[in-house]
Amino acid sequence: MKKDYKLPLAKMANTDLSRILKSDEIQKSLRPAKKRVLRAARKFNPIRNRSAYLRLNPFAAALKKNAIKLQQRRAKERAEALAKKRGVSTFFFVSCSSCR
């Protein structure tokens, strides 16, 4: 009915694809299937993740401990100085809640 129109033809004469793929000729040319699946390692942001930061900068742990000790020592010295001004004796260690 239409001029210059051709019906679409099949690309394959034999459409039994599973039998073709299992044939010896095809199996010889294929590479073996990979048994082990390799997954990418999860990446962590060192700014938010402490363990990732310590892997990049191991000395950061020592710096943080020193900073905490310094903060506690200064809080103690400040408490002693205030007690001395007020004329009250301090025999206990005063720690701040942010030092922990």
Protein backbone atom coordinates (compact mmCIF):
# COMPACT_ATOMS: atom_id res chain seq x y z
CA MET A 1 0.00 0.00 0.00
CA LYS A 2 2.86 2.38 0.84
CA LYS A 3 5.56 3.23 -1.62
CA ASP A 4 9.20 2.57 -0.65
CA TYR A 5 8.24 0.92 2.64
CA LYS A 6 9.96 -2.25 3.80
CA LEU A 7 8.96 -4.34 6.75
CA PRO A 8 11.54 -4.45 9.55
CA LEU A 9 13.61 -7.61 9.36
CA ALA A 10 14.94 -9.56 12.35
CA LYS A 11 18.64 -9.11 13.11
CA MET A 12 19.04 -12.80 13.94
CA ALA A 13 17.81 -15.76 11.99
CA ASN A 14 17.90 -18.02 15.07
CA THR A 15 16.40 -16.28 18.11
CA ASP A 16 17.15 -19.06 20.62
CA LEU A 17 19.65 -16.85 22.43
CA SER A 18 20.25 -19.07 25.46
CA ARG A 19 21.26 -22.02 23.23
CA ILE A 20 23.59 -19.77 21.23
CA LEU A 21 25.29 -18.41 24.37
CA LYS A 22 25.78 -21.90 25.79
CA SER A 23 27.38 -23.19 22.60
CA ASP A 24 31.03 -24.25 22.73
CA GLU A 25 32.18 -21.70 20.14
CA ILE A 26 30.88 -18.78 22.16
CA GLN A 27 32.05 -20.16 25.55
CA LYS A 28 35.63 -20.53 24.25
CA SER A 29 35.84 -16.86 23.32
CA LEU A 30 34.36 -15.49 26.60
CA ARG A 31 36.54 -14.57 29.55
CA PRO A 32 35.87 -16.39 32.85
CA ALA A 33 33.30 -14.88 35.23
CA LYS A 34 34.61 -12.84 38.16
CA LYS A 35 33.99 -14.66 41.44
CA ARG A 36 35.05 -11.94 43.88
CA VAL A 37 33.27 -8.61 43.97
CA LEU A 38 35.52 -5.65 44.77
CA ARG A 39 33.81 -2.88 46.68
CA ALA A 40 35.12 0.64 47.09
CA ALA A 41 36.30 1.63 50.56
CA ARG A 42 34.08 4.11 52.37
CA LYS A 43 35.64 7.55 52.60
CA PHE A 44 35.22 9.61 55.74
CA ASN A 45 35.45 13.37 56.14
CA PRO A 46 38.37 14.01 58.55
CA ILE A 47 36.80 17.28 59.69
CA ARG A 48 33.77 15.45 61.11
CA ASN A 49 35.25 12.00 61.74
CA ARG A 50 37.80 11.86 64.56
CA SER A 51 39.37 8.51 63.61
CA ALA A 52 39.92 9.66 60.01
CA TYR A 53 41.52 12.86 61.33
CA LEU A 54 43.83 10.91 63.65
CA ARG A 55 44.93 8.73 60.73
CA LEU A 56 45.95 11.90 58.86
CA ASN A 57 47.47 13.63 61.90
CA PRO A 58 48.42 11.21 64.72
CA PHE A 59 49.91 14.06 66.79
CA ALA A 60 46.46 15.64 67.11
CA ALA A 61 45.60 13.26 69.97
CA ALA A 62 48.57 14.49 72.02
CA LEU A 63 47.72 18.12 71.23
CA LYS A 64 44.14 17.62 72.37
CA LYS A 65 45.23 15.94 75.64
CA ASN A 66 47.63 18.80 76.33
CA ALA A 67 44.92 21.36 75.60
CA ILE A 68 42.52 19.63 78.02
CA LYS A 69 45.19 19.49 80.74
CA LEU A 70 46.02 23.16 80.20
CA GLN A 71 42.34 24.11 80.39
CA GLN A 72 41.90 22.15 83.64
CA ARG A 73 45.04 23.69 85.13
CA ARG A 74 43.89 27.20 84.24
CA ALA A 75 40.44 26.53 85.73
CA LYS A 76 42.09 25.34 88.94
CA GLU A 77 44.42 28.37 89.06
CA ARG A 78 41.48 30.71 88.43
CA ALA A 79 39.44 29.08 91.19
CA GLU A 80 42.38 29.38 93.57
CA ALA A 81 42.92 33.04 92.63
CA LEU A 82 39.23 33.83 93.20
CA ALA A 83 39.28 31.98 96.52
CA LYS A 84 42.37 33.92 97.58
CA LYS A 85 40.66 37.22 96.71
CA ARG A 86 37.57 36.20 98.64
CA GLY A 87 39.59 34.91 101.55
CA VAL A 88 38.22 31.36 101.30
CA SER A 89 40.49 28.31 101.40
CA THR A 90 40.21 25.78 98.57
CA PHE A 91 41.26 22.24 99.27
CA PHE A 92 39.42 20.54 96.41
CA PHE A 93 39.93 20.57 92.65
CA VAL A 94 37.39 22.62 90.74
CA SER A 95 36.66 21.34 87.25
CA CYS A 96 34.56 22.97 84.61
CA SER A 97 31.82 21.11 82.75
CA SER A 98 33.35 21.83 79.32
CA CYS A 99 36.69 20.21 80.29
CA ARG A 100 35.36 16.68 80.20
